[in-house]
Amino acid sequence: ELALAMHEERDHALARVFAPGSPI
């Protein structure tokens, strides 16, 4: 989850981290 979160953050996709059903 840390790896995926860092990927999303650097891909400017922070909203995906907090979307319904997020694996993080």
PDB file of all heavy atoms in Angstrom:
ATOM      1  N   GLU A   1       0.833  -1.208   0.000  1.00  0.00           N
ATOM      2  CA  GLU A   1       0.000   0.000   0.000  1.00  0.00           C
ATOM      3  C   GLU A   1       0.871   1.262   0.000  1.00  0.00           C
ATOM      4  O   GLU A   1       0.544   2.256  -0.670  1.00  0.00           O
ATOM      5  CB  GLU A   1      -0.937  -0.003   1.206  1.00  0.00           C
ATOM      6  CG  GLU A   1      -2.047  -1.048   1.113  1.00  0.00           C
ATOM      7  CD  GLU A   1      -3.073  -0.905   2.219  1.00  0.00           C
ATOM      8  OE1 GLU A   1      -3.182   0.204   2.780  1.00  0.00           O
ATOM      9  OE2 GLU A   1      -3.757  -1.888   2.528  1.00  0.00           O
ATOM     10  N   LEU A   2       1.969   1.232   0.737  1.00  0.00           N
ATOM     11  CA  LEU A   2       2.881   2.372   0.720  1.00  0.00           C
ATOM     12  C   LEU A   2       3.428   2.594  -0.684  1.00  0.00           C
ATOM     13  O   LEU A   2       3.483   3.732  -1.178  1.00  0.00           O
ATOM     14  CB  LEU A   2       4.023   2.143   1.714  1.00  0.00           C
ATOM     15  CG  LEU A   2       5.151   3.188   1.701  1.00  0.00           C
ATOM     16  CD1 LEU A   2       4.611   4.577   2.042  1.00  0.00           C
ATOM     17  CD2 LEU A   2       6.259   2.790   2.679  1.00  0.00           C
ATOM     18  N   ALA A   3       3.826   1.513  -1.338  1.00  0.00           N
ATOM     19  CA  ALA A   3       4.362   1.631  -2.699  1.00  0.00           C
ATOM     20  C   ALA A   3       3.313   2.194  -3.652  1.00  0.00           C
ATOM     21  O   ALA A   3       3.603   3.089  -4.464  1.00  0.00           O
ATOM     22  CB  ALA A   3       4.840   0.266  -3.181  1.00  0.00           C
ATOM     23  N   LEU A   4       2.094   1.687  -3.566  1.00  0.00           N
ATOM     24  CA  LEU A   4       1.027   2.151  -4.453  1.00  0.00           C
ATOM     25  C   LEU A   4       0.668   3.605  -4.151  1.00  0.00           C
ATOM     26  O   LEU A   4       0.449   4.412  -5.069  1.00  0.00           O
ATOM     27  CB  LEU A   4      -0.197   1.250  -4.304  1.00  0.00           C
ATOM     28  CG  LEU A   4      -1.415   1.616  -5.167  1.00  0.00           C
ATOM     29  CD1 LEU A   4      -1.059   1.631  -6.647  1.00  0.00           C
ATOM     30  CD2 LEU A   4      -2.564   0.630  -4.892  1.00  0.00           C
ATOM     31  N   ALA A   5       0.627   3.965  -2.882  1.00  0.00           N
ATOM     32  CA  ALA A   5       0.294   5.341  -2.504  1.00  0.00           C
ATOM     33  C   ALA A   5       1.344   6.318  -3.024  1.00  0.00           C
ATOM     34  O   ALA A   5       1.009   7.401  -3.518  1.00  0.00           O
ATOM     35  CB  ALA A   5       0.177   5.455  -0.983  1.00  0.00           C
ATOM     36  N   MET A   6       2.616   5.939  -2.917  1.00  0.00           N
ATOM     37  CA  MET A   6       3.668   6.817  -3.422  1.00  0.00           C
ATOM     38  C   MET A   6       3.570   6.952  -4.937  1.00  0.00           C
ATOM     39  O   MET A   6       3.812   8.026  -5.502  1.00  0.00           O
ATOM     40  CB  MET A   6       5.041   6.288  -3.007  1.00  0.00           C
ATOM     41  CG  MET A   6       5.278   6.345  -1.509  1.00  0.00           C
ATOM     42  SD  MET A   6       6.992   5.999  -1.027  1.00  0.00           S
ATOM     43  CE  MET A   6       7.807   7.491  -1.618  1.00  0.00           C
ATOM     44  N   HIS A   7       3.195   5.858  -5.608  1.00  0.00           N
ATOM     45  CA  HIS A   7       3.012   5.923  -7.062  1.00  0.00           C
ATOM     46  C   HIS A   7       1.866   6.874  -7.411  1.00  0.00           C
ATOM     47  O   HIS A   7       2.007   7.730  -8.299  1.00  0.00           O
ATOM     48  CB  HIS A   7       2.731   4.533  -7.621  1.00  0.00           C
ATOM     49  CG  HIS A   7       2.491   4.526  -9.098  1.00  0.00           C
ATOM     50  ND1 HIS A   7       3.496   4.331 -10.016  1.00  0.00           N
ATOM     51  CD2 HIS A   7       1.359   4.731  -9.823  1.00  0.00           C
ATOM     52  CE1 HIS A   7       2.991   4.410 -11.246  1.00  0.00           C
ATOM     53  NE2 HIS A   7       1.699   4.642 -11.149  1.00  0.00           N
ATOM     54  N   GLU A   8       0.752   6.735  -6.727  1.00  0.00           N
ATOM     55  CA  GLU A   8      -0.399   7.586  -7.024  1.00  0.00           C
ATOM     56  C   GLU A   8      -0.073   9.054  -6.746  1.00  0.00           C
ATOM     57  O   GLU A   8      -0.445   9.948  -7.515  1.00  0.00           O
ATOM     58  CB  GLU A   8      -1.604   7.163  -6.170  1.00  0.00           C
ATOM     59  CG  GLU A   8      -2.037   5.703  -6.338  1.00  0.00           C
ATOM     60  CD  GLU A   8      -2.751   5.440  -7.663  1.00  0.00           C
ATOM     61  OE1 GLU A   8      -2.323   5.953  -8.698  1.00  0.00           O
ATOM     62  OE2 GLU A   8      -3.740   4.694  -7.646  1.00  0.00           O
ATOM     63  N   GLU A   9       0.617   9.314  -5.636  1.00  0.00           N
ATOM     64  CA  GLU A   9       0.972  10.687  -5.286  1.00  0.00           C
ATOM     65  C   GLU A   9       1.829  11.320  -6.375  1.00  0.00           C
ATOM     66  O   GLU A   9       1.575  12.456  -6.805  1.00  0.00           O
ATOM     67  CB  GLU A   9       1.735  10.703  -3.957  1.00  0.00           C
ATOM     68  CG  GLU A   9       2.169  12.088  -3.518  1.00  0.00           C
ATOM     69  CD  GLU A   9       3.124  12.066  -2.333  1.00  0.00           C
ATOM     70  OE1 GLU A   9       3.401  10.974  -1.791  1.00  0.00           O
ATOM     71  OE2 GLU A   9       3.604  13.157  -1.954  1.00  0.00           O
ATOM     72  N   ARG A  10       2.828  10.584  -6.837  1.00  0.00           N
ATOM     73  CA  ARG A  10       3.724  11.135  -7.848  1.00  0.00           C
ATOM     74  C   ARG A  10       3.132  11.110  -9.255  1.00  0.00           C
ATOM     75  O   ARG A  10       3.658  11.759 -10.158  1.00  0.00           O
ATOM     76  CB  ARG A  10       5.057  10.388  -7.794  1.00  0.00           C
ATOM     77  CG  ARG A  10       5.919  10.908  -6.645  1.00  0.00           C
ATOM     78  CD  ARG A  10       6.768   9.878  -5.955  1.00  0.00           C
ATOM     79  NE  ARG A  10       7.414  10.500  -4.797  1.00  0.00           N
ATOM     80  CZ  ARG A  10       6.831  10.700  -3.614  1.00  0.00           C
ATOM     81  NH1 ARG A  10       5.569  10.322  -3.429  1.00  0.00           N
ATOM     82  NH2 ARG A  10       7.478  11.283  -2.620  1.00  0.00           N
ATOM     83  N   ASP A  11       2.040  10.411  -9.414  1.00  0.00           N
ATOM     84  CA  ASP A  11       1.323  10.415 -10.688  1.00  0.00           C
ATOM     85  C   ASP A  11       0.194  11.449 -10.673  1.00  0.00           C
ATOM     86  O   ASP A  11      -0.662  11.451 -11.556  1.00  0.00           O
ATOM     87  CB  ASP A  11       0.750   9.009 -10.952  1.00  0.00           C
ATOM     88  CG  ASP A  11       0.377   8.800 -12.404  1.00  0.00           C
ATOM     89  OD1 ASP A  11       1.058   9.363 -13.288  1.00  0.00           O
ATOM     90  OD2 ASP A  11      -0.601   8.077 -12.666  1.00  0.00           O
ATOM     91  N   HIS A  12       0.184  12.300  -9.636  1.00  0.00           N
ATOM     92  CA  HIS A  12      -0.836  13.352  -9.486  1.00  0.00           C
ATOM     93  C   HIS A  12      -2.243  12.751  -9.497  1.00  0.00           C
ATOM     94  O   HIS A  12      -3.163  13.319 -10.072  1.00  0.00           O
ATOM     95  CB  HIS A  12      -0.697  14.395 -10.599  1.00  0.00           C
ATOM     96  CG  HIS A  12       0.690  14.956 -10.724  1.00  0.00           C
ATOM     97  ND1 HIS A  12       1.243  15.767  -9.768  1.00  0.00           N
ATOM     98  CD2 HIS A  12       1.643  14.783 -11.683  1.00  0.00           C
ATOM     99  CE1 HIS A  12       2.486  16.089 -10.121  1.00  0.00           C
ATOM    100  NE2 HIS A  12       2.743  15.509 -11.279  1.00  0.00           N
ATOM    101  N   ALA A  13      -2.371  11.604  -8.844  1.00  0.00           N
ATOM    102  CA  ALA A  13      -3.656  10.899  -8.811  1.00  0.00           C
ATOM    103  C   ALA A  13      -4.065  10.638  -7.370  1.00  0.00           C
ATOM    104  O   ALA A  13      -4.516   9.535  -7.023  1.00  0.00           O
ATOM    105  CB  ALA A  13      -3.564   9.594  -9.596  1.00  0.00           C
ATOM    106  N   LEU A  14      -3.907  11.670  -6.522  1.00  0.00           N
ATOM    107  CA  LEU A  14      -4.206  11.497  -5.101  1.00  0.00           C
ATOM    108  C   LEU A  14      -5.661  11.114  -4.876  1.00  0.00           C
ATOM    109  O   LEU A  14      -5.979  10.378  -3.935  1.00  0.00           O
ATOM    110  CB  LEU A  14      -3.881  12.797  -4.363  1.00  0.00           C
ATOM    111  CG  LEU A  14      -3.707  12.690  -2.849  1.00  0.00           C
ATOM    112  CD1 LEU A  14      -2.552  11.773  -2.509  1.00  0.00           C
ATOM    113  CD2 LEU A  14      -3.480  14.076  -2.251  1.00  0.00           C
ATOM    114  N   ALA A  15      -6.550  11.572  -5.733  1.00  0.00           N
ATOM    115  CA  ALA A  15      -7.973  11.267  -5.555  1.00  0.00           C
ATOM    116  C   ALA A  15      -8.226   9.777  -5.585  1.00  0.00           C
ATOM    117  O   ALA A  15      -9.170   9.289  -4.946  1.00  0.00           O
ATOM    118  CB  ALA A  15      -8.787  11.975  -6.639  1.00  0.00           C
ATOM    119  N   ARG A  16      -7.400   9.021  -6.318  1.00  0.00           N
ATOM    120  CA  ARG A  16      -7.605   7.567  -6.385  1.00  0.00           C
ATOM    121  C   ARG A  16      -7.363   6.902  -5.032  1.00  0.00           C
ATOM    122  O   ARG A  16      -7.950   5.866  -4.726  1.00  0.00           O
ATOM    123  CB  ARG A  16      -6.690   6.952  -7.445  1.00  0.00           C
ATOM    124  CG  ARG A  16      -7.109   7.249  -8.876  1.00  0.00           C
ATOM    125  CD  ARG A  16      -6.523   6.247  -9.850  1.00  0.00           C
ATOM    126  NE  ARG A  16      -5.080   6.324  -9.954  1.00  0.00           N
ATOM    127  CZ  ARG A  16      -4.408   6.726 -11.040  1.00  0.00           C
ATOM    128  NH1 ARG A  16      -5.083   7.135 -12.113  1.00  0.00           N
ATOM    129  NH2 ARG A  16      -3.108   6.737 -11.062  1.00  0.00           N
ATOM    130  N   VAL A  17      -6.472   7.496  -4.236  1.00  0.00           N
ATOM    131  CA  VAL A  17      -6.191   6.924  -2.910  1.00  0.00           C
ATOM    132  C   VAL A  17      -7.435   6.974  -2.036  1.00  0.00           C
ATOM    133  O   VAL A  17      -7.682   6.077  -1.220  1.00  0.00           O
ATOM    134  CB  VAL A  17      -5.031   7.688  -2.235  1.00  0.00           C
ATOM    135  CG1 VAL A  17      -4.816   7.191  -0.805  1.00  0.00           C
ATOM    136  CG2 VAL A  17      -3.750   7.551  -3.051  1.00  0.00           C
ATOM    137  N   PHE A  18      -8.263   8.002  -2.215  1.00  0.00           N
ATOM    138  CA  PHE A  18      -9.418   8.215  -1.348  1.00  0.00           C
ATOM    139  C   PHE A  18     -10.745   7.935  -2.053  1.00  0.00           C
ATOM    140  O   PHE A  18     -11.811   8.231  -1.513  1.00  0.00           O
ATOM    141  CB  PHE A  18      -9.389   9.647  -0.817  1.00  0.00           C
ATOM    142  CG  PHE A  18      -8.179   9.926   0.024  1.00  0.00           C
ATOM    143  CD1 PHE A  18      -7.047  10.509  -0.535  1.00  0.00           C
ATOM    144  CD2 PHE A  18      -8.141   9.559   1.360  1.00  0.00           C
ATOM    145  CE1 PHE A  18      -5.913  10.746   0.225  1.00  0.00           C
ATOM    146  CE2 PHE A  18      -7.018   9.790   2.128  1.00  0.00           C
ATOM    147  CZ  PHE A  18      -5.895  10.386   1.568  1.00  0.00           C
ATOM    148  N   ALA A  19     -10.664   7.325  -3.233  1.00  0.00           N
ATOM    149  CA  ALA A  19     -11.891   6.962  -3.939  1.00  0.00           C
ATOM    150  C   ALA A  19     -12.558   5.777  -3.251  1.00  0.00           C
ATOM    151  O   ALA A  19     -11.895   4.978  -2.579  1.00  0.00           O
ATOM    152  CB  ALA A  19     -11.566   6.607  -5.389  1.00  0.00           C
ATOM    153  N   PRO A  20     -13.875   5.625  -3.363  1.00  0.00           N
ATOM    154  CA  PRO A  20     -14.548   4.451  -2.788  1.00  0.00           C
ATOM    155  C   PRO A  20     -13.922   3.170  -3.323  1.00  0.00           C
ATOM    156  O   PRO A  20     -13.640   3.054  -4.519  1.00  0.00           O
ATOM    157  CB  PRO A  20     -15.993   4.614  -3.264  1.00  0.00           C
ATOM    158  CG  PRO A  20     -16.157   6.078  -3.505  1.00  0.00           C
ATOM    159  CD  PRO A  20     -14.833   6.565  -4.017  1.00  0.00           C
ATOM    160  N   GLY A  21     -13.685   2.220  -2.431  1.00  0.00           N
ATOM    161  CA  GLY A  21     -13.093   0.952  -2.839  1.00  0.00           C
ATOM    162  C   GLY A  21     -11.595   0.993  -3.017  1.00  0.00           C
ATOM    163  O   GLY A  21     -10.997   0.021  -3.502  1.00  0.00           O
ATOM    164  N   SER A  22     -10.949   2.083  -2.622  1.00  0.00           N
ATOM    165  CA  SER A  22      -9.496   2.179  -2.759  1.00  0.00           C
ATOM    166  C   SER A  22      -8.822   1.057  -1.980  1.00  0.00           C
ATOM    167  O   SER A  22      -9.189   0.760  -0.840  1.00  0.00           O
ATOM    168  CB  SER A  22      -9.006   3.528  -2.225  1.00  0.00           C
ATOM    169  OG  SER A  22      -7.594   3.528  -2.077  1.00  0.00           O
ATOM    170  N   PRO A  23      -7.794   0.432  -2.587  1.00  0.00           N
ATOM    171  CA  PRO A  23      -7.085  -0.635  -1.856  1.00  0.00           C
ATOM    172  C   PRO A  23      -6.163  -0.094  -0.771  1.00  0.00           C
ATOM    173  O   PRO A  23      -5.645  -0.867   0.033  1.00  0.00           O
ATOM    174  CB  PRO A  23      -6.282  -1.329  -2.960  1.00  0.00           C
ATOM    175  CG  PRO A  23      -6.050  -0.275  -3.988  1.00  0.00           C
ATOM    176  CD  PRO A  23      -7.282   0.596  -3.962  1.00  0.00           C
ATOM    177  N   ILE A  24      -5.951   1.189  -0.739  1.00  0.00           N
ATOM    178  CA  ILE A  24      -5.045   1.788   0.248  1.00  0.00           C
ATOM    179  C   ILE A  24      -5.857   2.148   1.486  1.00  0.00           C
ATOM    180  O   ILE A  24      -6.588   3.134   1.508  1.00  0.00           O
ATOM    181  CB  ILE A  24      -4.345   3.028  -0.333  1.00  0.00           C
ATOM    182  CG1 ILE A  24      -3.535   2.632  -1.566  1.00  0.00           C
ATOM    183  CG2 ILE A  24      -3.446   3.675   0.718  1.00  0.00           C
ATOM    184  CD1 ILE A  24      -2.964   3.805  -2.331  1.00  0.00           C
TER     185      ILE A  24
END
